[in-house]
Structure formats: C-alpha cells, structure tokens
Full PDB file with SEQRES, HELIX, SHEET, SSBOND, CRYST1, ORIGX, SCALE, CONECT and MASTER records, all heavy atoms in Angstrom:
SEQRES   1 A   37  ASP ALA ALA ALA ARG SER ALA SER LEU THR HIS LEU VAL          
SEQRES   2 A   37  ALA ASP ALA ILE ALA ALA HIS ASP PRO VAL LEU VAL LEU          
SEQRES   3 A   37  ASP LEU ALA THR GLY THR GLY SER ASN LEU ARG                  
HELIX    1 AA1 ALA A    7  ALA A   16  1                                  10    
CRYST1    1.000    1.000    1.000  90.00  90.00  90.00 P 1           1          
ORIGX1      1.000000  0.000000  0.000000        0.00000                         
ORIGX2      0.000000  1.000000  0.000000        0.00000                         
ORIGX3      0.000000  0.000000  1.000000        0.00000                         
SCALE1      1.000000  0.000000  0.000000        0.00000                         
SCALE2      0.000000  1.000000  0.000000        0.00000                         
SCALE3      0.000000  0.000000  1.000000        0.00000                         
ATOM      1  N   ASP A   1      10.602  -7.797  -5.791  1.00  0.00           N  
ATOM      2  CA  ASP A   1       9.466  -6.880  -5.906  1.00  0.00           C  
ATOM      3  C   ASP A   1       9.631  -5.699  -4.954  1.00  0.00           C  
ATOM      4  O   ASP A   1       9.443  -4.536  -5.330  1.00  0.00           O  
ATOM      5  CB  ASP A   1       8.158  -7.604  -5.586  1.00  0.00           C  
ATOM      6  CG  ASP A   1       7.705  -8.534  -6.690  1.00  0.00           C  
ATOM      7  OD1 ASP A   1       8.242  -8.453  -7.807  1.00  0.00           O  
ATOM      8  OD2 ASP A   1       6.806  -9.354  -6.430  1.00  0.00           O  
ATOM      9  N   ALA A   2       9.963  -6.001  -3.710  1.00  0.00           N  
ATOM     10  CA  ALA A   2      10.089  -4.944  -2.702  1.00  0.00           C  
ATOM     11  C   ALA A   2      11.196  -3.961  -3.063  1.00  0.00           C  
ATOM     12  O   ALA A   2      11.046  -2.739  -2.888  1.00  0.00           O  
ATOM     13  CB  ALA A   2      10.358  -5.556  -1.332  1.00  0.00           C  
ATOM     14  N   ALA A   3      12.314  -4.470  -3.582  1.00  0.00           N  
ATOM     15  CA  ALA A   3      13.426  -3.597  -3.960  1.00  0.00           C  
ATOM     16  C   ALA A   3      13.082  -2.721  -5.147  1.00  0.00           C  
ATOM     17  O   ALA A   3      13.616  -1.608  -5.293  1.00  0.00           O  
ATOM     18  CB  ALA A   3      14.661  -4.444  -4.270  1.00  0.00           C  
ATOM     19  N   ALA A   4      12.194  -3.196  -6.022  1.00  0.00           N  
ATOM     20  CA  ALA A   4      11.896  -2.486  -7.266  1.00  0.00           C  
ATOM     21  C   ALA A   4      10.812  -1.428  -7.121  1.00  0.00           C  
ATOM     22  O   ALA A   4      10.749  -0.479  -7.909  1.00  0.00           O  
ATOM     23  CB  ALA A   4      11.474  -3.492  -8.343  1.00  0.00           C  
ATOM     24  N   ARG A   5       9.950  -1.545  -6.122  1.00  0.00           N  
ATOM     25  CA  ARG A   5       8.767  -0.692  -6.038  1.00  0.00           C  
ATOM     26  C   ARG A   5       9.117   0.780  -5.874  1.00  0.00           C  
ATOM     27  O   ARG A   5      10.148   1.140  -5.312  1.00  0.00           O  
ATOM     28  CB  ARG A   5       7.879  -1.147  -4.877  1.00  0.00           C  
ATOM     29  CG  ARG A   5       7.239  -2.497  -5.121  1.00  0.00           C  
ATOM     30  CD  ARG A   5       6.495  -3.011  -3.919  1.00  0.00           C  
ATOM     31  NE  ARG A   5       5.367  -2.155  -3.571  1.00  0.00           N  
ATOM     32  CZ  ARG A   5       4.178  -2.614  -3.177  1.00  0.00           C  
ATOM     33  NH1 ARG A   5       3.964  -3.915  -3.088  1.00  0.00           N  
ATOM     34  NH2 ARG A   5       3.205  -1.779  -2.859  1.00  0.00           N  
ATOM     35  N   SER A   6       8.222   1.616  -6.361  1.00  0.00           N  
ATOM     36  CA  SER A   6       8.412   3.061  -6.284  1.00  0.00           C  
ATOM     37  C   SER A   6       8.085   3.567  -4.879  1.00  0.00           C  
ATOM     38  O   SER A   6       6.926   3.554  -4.458  1.00  0.00           O  
ATOM     39  CB  SER A   6       7.511   3.768  -7.299  1.00  0.00           C  
ATOM     40  OG  SER A   6       7.449   5.152  -7.035  1.00  0.00           O  
ATOM     41  N   ALA A   7       9.116   4.034  -4.164  1.00  0.00           N  
ATOM     42  CA  ALA A   7       8.896   4.600  -2.830  1.00  0.00           C  
ATOM     43  C   ALA A   7       8.086   5.888  -2.908  1.00  0.00           C  
ATOM     44  O   ALA A   7       7.253   6.160  -2.037  1.00  0.00           O  
ATOM     45  CB  ALA A   7      10.237   4.854  -2.148  1.00  0.00           C  
ATOM     46  N   SER A   8       8.298   6.662  -3.966  1.00  0.00           N  
ATOM     47  CA  SER A   8       7.600   7.945  -4.058  1.00  0.00           C  
ATOM     48  C   SER A   8       6.099   7.754  -4.237  1.00  0.00           C  
ATOM     49  O   SER A   8       5.297   8.505  -3.658  1.00  0.00           O  
ATOM     50  CB  SER A   8       8.177   8.778  -5.207  1.00  0.00           C  
ATOM     51  OG  SER A   8       7.961   8.155  -6.455  1.00  0.00           O  
ATOM     52  N   LEU A   9       5.685   6.761  -5.012  1.00  0.00           N  
ATOM     53  CA  LEU A   9       4.249   6.515  -5.170  1.00  0.00           C  
ATOM     54  C   LEU A   9       3.643   5.961  -3.886  1.00  0.00           C  
ATOM     55  O   LEU A   9       2.494   6.279  -3.544  1.00  0.00           O  
ATOM     56  CB  LEU A   9       3.995   5.559  -6.333  1.00  0.00           C  
ATOM     57  CG  LEU A   9       4.271   6.103  -7.733  1.00  0.00           C  
ATOM     58  CD1 LEU A   9       3.782   5.126  -8.793  1.00  0.00           C  
ATOM     59  CD2 LEU A   9       3.649   7.474  -7.951  1.00  0.00           C  
ATOM     60  N   THR A  10       4.398   5.142  -3.167  1.00  0.00           N  
ATOM     61  CA  THR A  10       3.906   4.653  -1.881  1.00  0.00           C  
ATOM     62  C   THR A  10       3.677   5.813  -0.921  1.00  0.00           C  
ATOM     63  O   THR A  10       2.649   5.883  -0.237  1.00  0.00           O  
ATOM     64  CB  THR A  10       4.899   3.645  -1.276  1.00  0.00           C  
ATOM     65  OG1 THR A  10       5.064   2.539  -2.168  1.00  0.00           O  
ATOM     66  CG2 THR A  10       4.406   3.137   0.071  1.00  0.00           C  
ATOM     67  N   HIS A  11       4.626   6.744  -0.856  1.00  0.00           N  
ATOM     68  CA  HIS A  11       4.465   7.921   0.009  1.00  0.00           C  
ATOM     69  C   HIS A  11       3.272   8.768  -0.430  1.00  0.00           C  
ATOM     70  O   HIS A  11       2.511   9.270   0.404  1.00  0.00           O  
ATOM     71  CB  HIS A  11       5.735   8.767  -0.017  1.00  0.00           C  
ATOM     72  CG  HIS A  11       6.909   8.127   0.654  1.00  0.00           C  
ATOM     73  ND1 HIS A  11       6.817   7.463   1.859  1.00  0.00           N  
ATOM     74  CD2 HIS A  11       8.214   8.051   0.275  1.00  0.00           C  
ATOM     75  CE1 HIS A  11       8.010   7.003   2.205  1.00  0.00           C  
ATOM     76  NE2 HIS A  11       8.861   7.336   1.258  1.00  0.00           N  
ATOM     77  N   LEU A  12       3.115   8.934  -1.742  1.00  0.00           N  
ATOM     78  CA  LEU A  12       2.001   9.728  -2.257  1.00  0.00           C  
ATOM     79  C   LEU A  12       0.668   9.130  -1.810  1.00  0.00           C  
ATOM     80  O   LEU A  12      -0.229   9.852  -1.335  1.00  0.00           O  
ATOM     81  CB  LEU A  12       2.087   9.777  -3.783  1.00  0.00           C  
ATOM     82  CG  LEU A  12       1.094  10.638  -4.559  1.00  0.00           C  
ATOM     83  CD1 LEU A  12       1.679  11.034  -5.905  1.00  0.00           C  
ATOM     84  CD2 LEU A  12      -0.235   9.915  -4.799  1.00  0.00           C  
ATOM     85  N   VAL A  13       0.537   7.822  -1.951  1.00  0.00           N  
ATOM     86  CA  VAL A  13      -0.711   7.152  -1.581  1.00  0.00           C  
ATOM     87  C   VAL A  13      -0.936   7.223  -0.073  1.00  0.00           C  
ATOM     88  O   VAL A  13      -2.054   7.470   0.400  1.00  0.00           O  
ATOM     89  CB  VAL A  13      -0.683   5.694  -2.084  1.00  0.00           C  
ATOM     90  CG1 VAL A  13      -1.765   4.863  -1.413  1.00  0.00           C  
ATOM     91  CG2 VAL A  13      -0.849   5.666  -3.600  1.00  0.00           C  
ATOM     92  N   ALA A  14       0.131   7.010   0.701  1.00  0.00           N  
ATOM     93  CA  ALA A  14       0.000   7.095   2.159  1.00  0.00           C  
ATOM     94  C   ALA A  14      -0.488   8.469   2.589  1.00  0.00           C  
ATOM     95  O   ALA A  14      -1.345   8.593   3.481  1.00  0.00           O  
ATOM     96  CB  ALA A  14       1.333   6.760   2.823  1.00  0.00           C  
ATOM     97  N   ASP A  15       0.030   9.512   1.961  1.00  0.00           N  
ATOM     98  CA  ASP A  15      -0.425  10.869   2.281  1.00  0.00           C  
ATOM     99  C   ASP A  15      -1.877  11.087   1.882  1.00  0.00           C  
ATOM    100  O   ASP A  15      -2.637  11.757   2.587  1.00  0.00           O  
ATOM    101  CB  ASP A  15       0.464  11.892   1.583  1.00  0.00           C  
ATOM    102  CG  ASP A  15       1.857  11.984   2.178  1.00  0.00           C  
ATOM    103  OD1 ASP A  15       2.058  11.477   3.301  1.00  0.00           O  
ATOM    104  OD2 ASP A  15       2.759  12.526   1.497  1.00  0.00           O  
ATOM    105  N   ALA A  16      -2.266  10.501   0.737  1.00  0.00           N  
ATOM    106  CA  ALA A  16      -3.626  10.710   0.227  1.00  0.00           C  
ATOM    107  C   ALA A  16      -4.687  10.099   1.131  1.00  0.00           C  
ATOM    108  O   ALA A  16      -5.821  10.580   1.181  1.00  0.00           O  
ATOM    109  CB  ALA A  16      -3.743  10.138  -1.183  1.00  0.00           C  
ATOM    110  N   ILE A  17      -4.341   9.040   1.863  1.00  0.00           N  
ATOM    111  CA  ILE A  17      -5.335   8.354   2.697  1.00  0.00           C  
ATOM    112  C   ILE A  17      -5.113   8.599   4.192  1.00  0.00           C  
ATOM    113  O   ILE A  17      -5.801   8.009   5.030  1.00  0.00           O  
ATOM    114  CB  ILE A  17      -5.329   6.836   2.417  1.00  0.00           C  
ATOM    115  CG1 ILE A  17      -3.963   6.223   2.758  1.00  0.00           C  
ATOM    116  CG2 ILE A  17      -5.707   6.563   0.965  1.00  0.00           C  
ATOM    117  CD1 ILE A  17      -3.915   4.714   2.582  1.00  0.00           C  
ATOM    118  N   ALA A  18      -4.177   9.475   4.529  1.00  0.00           N  
ATOM    119  CA  ALA A  18      -3.766   9.649   5.930  1.00  0.00           C  
ATOM    120  C   ALA A  18      -4.885  10.156   6.831  1.00  0.00           C  
ATOM    121  O   ALA A  18      -4.850   9.934   8.048  1.00  0.00           O  
ATOM    122  CB  ALA A  18      -2.574  10.598   6.004  1.00  0.00           C  
ATOM    123  N   ALA A  19      -5.884  10.836   6.272  1.00  0.00           N  
ATOM    124  CA  ALA A  19      -6.944  11.410   7.108  1.00  0.00           C  
ATOM    125  C   ALA A  19      -7.911  10.361   7.636  1.00  0.00           C  
ATOM    126  O   ALA A  19      -8.689  10.633   8.556  1.00  0.00           O  
ATOM    127  CB  ALA A  19      -7.711  12.465   6.310  1.00  0.00           C  
ATOM    128  N   HIS A  20      -7.890   9.163   7.073  1.00  0.00           N  
ATOM    129  CA  HIS A  20      -8.849   8.128   7.465  1.00  0.00           C  
ATOM    130  C   HIS A  20      -8.328   7.330   8.661  1.00  0.00           C  
ATOM    131  O   HIS A  20      -7.136   7.008   8.744  1.00  0.00           O  
ATOM    132  CB  HIS A  20      -9.112   7.186   6.290  1.00  0.00           C  
ATOM    133  CG  HIS A  20      -9.657   7.871   5.077  1.00  0.00           C  
ATOM    134  ND1 HIS A  20     -10.927   8.400   5.041  1.00  0.00           N  
ATOM    135  CD2 HIS A  20      -9.094   8.126   3.866  1.00  0.00           C  
ATOM    136  CE1 HIS A  20     -11.136   8.947   3.844  1.00  0.00           C  
ATOM    137  NE2 HIS A  20     -10.039   8.796   3.120  1.00  0.00           N  
ATOM    138  N   ASP A  21      -9.236   7.006   9.571  1.00  0.00           N  
ATOM    139  CA  ASP A  21      -8.863   6.235  10.751  1.00  0.00           C  
ATOM    140  C   ASP A  21     -10.055   5.374  11.175  1.00  0.00           C  
ATOM    141  O   ASP A  21     -11.042   5.897  11.702  1.00  0.00           O  
ATOM    142  CB  ASP A  21      -8.446   7.170  11.887  1.00  0.00           C  
ATOM    143  CG  ASP A  21      -7.918   6.422  13.093  1.00  0.00           C  
ATOM    144  OD1 ASP A  21      -7.529   5.245  12.925  1.00  0.00           O  
ATOM    145  OD2 ASP A  21      -7.899   6.999  14.187  1.00  0.00           O  
ATOM    146  N   PRO A  22      -9.998   4.069  10.930  1.00  0.00           N  
ATOM    147  CA  PRO A  22      -8.885   3.355  10.318  1.00  0.00           C  
ATOM    148  C   PRO A  22      -8.899   3.487   8.798  1.00  0.00           C  
ATOM    149  O   PRO A  22      -9.915   3.871   8.204  1.00  0.00           O  
ATOM    150  CB  PRO A  22      -9.152   1.909  10.730  1.00  0.00           C  
ATOM    151  CG  PRO A  22     -10.645   1.832  10.806  1.00  0.00           C  
ATOM    152  CD  PRO A  22     -11.091   3.166  11.346  1.00  0.00           C  
ATOM    153  N   VAL A  23      -7.771   3.165   8.170  1.00  0.00           N  
ATOM    154  CA  VAL A  23      -7.678   3.088   6.715  1.00  0.00           C  
ATOM    155  C   VAL A  23      -8.198   1.719   6.280  1.00  0.00           C  
ATOM    156  O   VAL A  23      -7.736   0.684   6.769  1.00  0.00           O  
ATOM    157  CB  VAL A  23      -6.226   3.271   6.236  1.00  0.00           C  
ATOM    158  CG1 VAL A  23      -6.126   3.050   4.733  1.00  0.00           C  
ATOM    159  CG2 VAL A  23      -5.718   4.651   6.612  1.00  0.00           C  
ATOM    160  N   LEU A  24      -9.166   1.717   5.377  1.00  0.00           N  
ATOM    161  CA  LEU A  24      -9.752   0.472   4.880  1.00  0.00           C  
ATOM    162  C   LEU A  24      -9.145   0.147   3.520  1.00  0.00           C  
ATOM    163  O   LEU A  24      -9.264   0.940   2.579  1.00  0.00           O  
ATOM    164  CB  LEU A  24     -11.270   0.606   4.770  1.00  0.00           C  
ATOM    165  CG  LEU A  24     -12.003   1.017   6.056  1.00  0.00           C  
ATOM    166  CD1 LEU A  24     -13.503   1.050   5.821  1.00  0.00           C  
ATOM    167  CD2 LEU A  24     -11.657   0.075   7.203  1.00  0.00           C  
ATOM    168  N   VAL A  25      -8.504  -0.999   3.423  1.00  0.00           N  
ATOM    169  CA  VAL A  25      -7.718  -1.377   2.245  1.00  0.00           C  
ATOM    170  C   VAL A  25      -8.276  -2.659   1.649  1.00  0.00           C  
ATOM    171  O   VAL A  25      -8.608  -3.607   2.373  1.00  0.00           O  
ATOM    172  CB  VAL A  25      -6.231  -1.589   2.614  1.00  0.00           C  
ATOM    173  CG1 VAL A  25      -5.403  -1.875   1.358  1.00  0.00           C  
ATOM    174  CG2 VAL A  25      -5.678  -0.388   3.369  1.00  0.00           C  
ATOM    175  N   LEU A  26      -8.339  -2.704   0.314  1.00  0.00           N  
ATOM    176  CA  LEU A  26      -8.680  -3.917  -0.426  1.00  0.00           C  
ATOM    177  C   LEU A  26      -7.472  -4.321  -1.252  1.00  0.00           C  
ATOM    178  O   LEU A  26      -6.970  -3.529  -2.058  1.00  0.00           O  
ATOM    179  CB  LEU A  26      -9.876  -3.666  -1.347  1.00  0.00           C  
ATOM    180  CG  LEU A  26     -10.210  -4.779  -2.353  1.00  0.00           C  
ATOM    181  CD1 LEU A  26     -10.618  -6.066  -1.636  1.00  0.00           C  
ATOM    182  CD2 LEU A  26     -11.320  -4.315  -3.312  1.00  0.00           C  
ATOM    183  N   ASP A  27      -6.989  -5.543  -1.049  1.00  0.00           N  
ATOM    184  CA  ASP A  27      -5.854  -6.073  -1.809  1.00  0.00           C  
ATOM    185  C   ASP A  27      -6.365  -7.183  -2.710  1.00  0.00           C  
ATOM    186  O   ASP A  27      -6.826  -8.228  -2.230  1.00  0.00           O  
ATOM    187  CB  ASP A  27      -4.782  -6.597  -0.848  1.00  0.00           C  
ATOM    188  CG  ASP A  27      -3.489  -6.968  -1.566  1.00  0.00           C  
ATOM    189  OD1 ASP A  27      -3.208  -6.381  -2.621  1.00  0.00           O  
ATOM    190  OD2 ASP A  27      -2.758  -7.841  -1.053  1.00  0.00           O  
ATOM    191  N   LEU A  28      -6.280  -6.970  -4.023  1.00  0.00           N  
ATOM    192  CA  LEU A  28      -6.798  -7.906  -5.011  1.00  0.00           C  
ATOM    193  C   LEU A  28      -5.720  -8.909  -5.413  1.00  0.00           C  
ATOM    194  O   LEU A  28      -4.564  -8.536  -5.618  1.00  0.00           O  
ATOM    195  CB  LEU A  28      -7.273  -7.147  -6.248  1.00  0.00           C  
ATOM    196  CG  LEU A  28      -8.388  -6.120  -6.026  1.00  0.00           C  
ATOM    197  CD1 LEU A  28      -8.590  -5.274  -7.275  1.00  0.00           C  
ATOM    198  CD2 LEU A  28      -9.694  -6.812  -5.621  1.00  0.00           C  
ATOM    199  N   ALA A  29      -6.130 -10.177  -5.575  1.00  0.00           N  
ATOM    200  CA  ALA A  29      -5.194 -11.241  -5.960  1.00  0.00           C  
ATOM    201  C   ALA A  29      -3.968 -11.219  -5.049  1.00  0.00           C  
ATOM    202  O   ALA A  29      -2.827 -11.166  -5.482  1.00  0.00           O  
ATOM    203  CB  ALA A  29      -4.792 -11.105  -7.427  1.00  0.00           C  
ATOM    204  N   THR A  30      -4.230 -11.305  -3.769  1.00  0.00           N  
ATOM    205  CA  THR A  30      -3.195 -11.076  -2.760  1.00  0.00           C  
ATOM    206  C   THR A  30      -2.136 -12.163  -2.702  1.00  0.00           C  
ATOM    207  O   THR A  30      -1.045 -11.945  -2.183  1.00  0.00           O  
ATOM    208  CB  THR A  30      -3.858 -10.914  -1.374  1.00  0.00           C  
ATOM    209  OG1 THR A  30      -2.939 -10.320  -0.475  1.00  0.00           O  
ATOM    210  CG2 THR A  30      -4.336 -12.247  -0.828  1.00  0.00           C  
ATOM    211  N   GLY A  31      -2.441 -13.361  -3.230  1.00  0.00           N  
ATOM    212  CA  GLY A  31      -1.465 -14.447  -3.172  1.00  0.00           C  
ATOM    213  C   GLY A  31      -1.173 -14.827  -1.735  1.00  0.00           C  
ATOM    214  O   GLY A  31      -2.071 -15.125  -0.945  1.00  0.00           O  
ATOM    215  N   THR A  32       0.113 -14.798  -1.357  1.00  0.00           N  
ATOM    216  CA  THR A  32       0.497 -15.103   0.026  1.00  0.00           C  
ATOM    217  C   THR A  32       0.766 -13.839   0.828  1.00  0.00           C  
ATOM    218  O   THR A  32       1.302 -13.913   1.934  1.00  0.00           O  
ATOM    219  CB  THR A  32       1.729 -16.011   0.055  1.00  0.00           C  
ATOM    220  OG1 THR A  32       2.811 -15.361  -0.615  1.00  0.00           O  
ATOM    221  CG2 THR A  32       1.446 -17.354  -0.595  1.00  0.00           C  
ATOM    222  N   GLY A  33       0.434 -12.654   0.266  1.00  0.00           N  
ATOM    223  CA  GLY A  33       0.436 -11.437   1.061  1.00  0.00           C  
ATOM    224  C   GLY A  33       1.643 -10.530   0.948  1.00  0.00           C  
ATOM    225  O   GLY A  33       1.845  -9.669   1.802  1.00  0.00           O  
ATOM    226  N   SER A  34       2.429 -10.640  -0.107  1.00  0.00           N  
ATOM    227  CA  SER A  34       3.637  -9.806  -0.204  1.00  0.00           C  
ATOM    228  C   SER A  34       3.296  -8.322  -0.289  1.00  0.00           C  
ATOM    229  O   SER A  34       4.023  -7.483   0.268  1.00  0.00           O  
ATOM    230  CB  SER A  34       4.484 -10.221  -1.405  1.00  0.00           C  
ATOM    231  OG  SER A  34       3.806  -9.991  -2.622  1.00  0.00           O  
ATOM    232  N   ASN A  35       2.205  -7.979  -0.954  1.00  0.00           N  
ATOM    233  CA  ASN A  35       1.823  -6.573  -1.066  1.00  0.00           C  
ATOM    234  C   ASN A  35       1.467  -6.000   0.299  1.00  0.00           C  
ATOM    235  O   ASN A  35       1.874  -4.889   0.661  1.00  0.00           O  
ATOM    236  CB  ASN A  35       0.648  -6.440  -2.033  1.00  0.00           C  
ATOM    237  CG  ASN A  35       0.380  -5.004  -2.443  1.00  0.00           C  
ATOM    238  OD1 ASN A  35       1.284  -4.182  -2.547  1.00  0.00           O  
ATOM    239  ND2 ASN A  35      -0.889  -4.703  -2.691  1.00  0.00           N  
ATOM    240  N   LEU A  36       0.726  -6.770   1.086  1.00  0.00           N  
ATOM    241  CA  LEU A  36       0.392  -6.339   2.443  1.00  0.00           C  
ATOM    242  C   LEU A  36       1.661  -6.149   3.274  1.00  0.00           C  
ATOM    243  O   LEU A  36       1.813  -5.147   3.969  1.00  0.00           O  
ATOM    244  CB  LEU A  36      -0.533  -7.351   3.098  1.00  0.00           C  
ATOM    245  CG  LEU A  36      -0.969  -7.042   4.535  1.00  0.00           C  
ATOM    246  CD1 LEU A  36      -2.404  -7.509   4.758  1.00  0.00           C  
ATOM    247  CD2 LEU A  36      -0.064  -7.718   5.561  1.00  0.00           C  
ATOM    248  N   ARG A  37       2.570  -7.130   3.201  1.00  0.00           N  
ATOM    249  CA  ARG A  37       3.781  -7.049   4.026  1.00  0.00           C  
ATOM    250  C   ARG A  37       4.636  -5.839   3.652  1.00  0.00           C  
ATOM    251  O   ARG A  37       5.302  -5.260   4.510  1.00  0.00           O  
ATOM    252  CB  ARG A  37       4.576  -8.350   3.915  1.00  0.00           C  
ATOM    253  CG  ARG A  37       3.904  -9.514   4.631  1.00  0.00           C  
ATOM    254  CD  ARG A  37       4.780 -10.743   4.674  1.00  0.00           C  
ATOM    255  NE  ARG A  37       4.912 -11.400   3.387  1.00  0.00           N  
ATOM    256  CZ  ARG A  37       4.071 -12.295   2.899  1.00  0.00           C  
ATOM    257  NH1 ARG A  37       2.976 -12.637   3.590  1.00  0.00           N  
ATOM    258  NH2 ARG A  37       4.280 -12.855   1.727  1.00  0.00           N  
TER     259      ARG A  37                                                      
MASTER        0    0    0    1    0    0    0    6  258    1    0    3          
END                                                                             
C-alpha cells in the first residue's frame, strides 16, 4: 500500500491543511493504523 500511494496527492493535501495548528484528522476504518503510519 505504502509503495503504491500517490505522493503527489499526499503533498497536495498536506499543503491544503498546512495553515491549521494543530491539524485535526479523522481516519475512518483505520484497522491497525497503516494509513496513520
């Protein structure tokens, strides 16, 4: 999963939320947390 994910979309999202401090995130169906990691 980690190798396949789009780095460009991750960067886009990180830039879009960069003004918030702290950033508040909701992870749905998180399982054992791979998305968070």
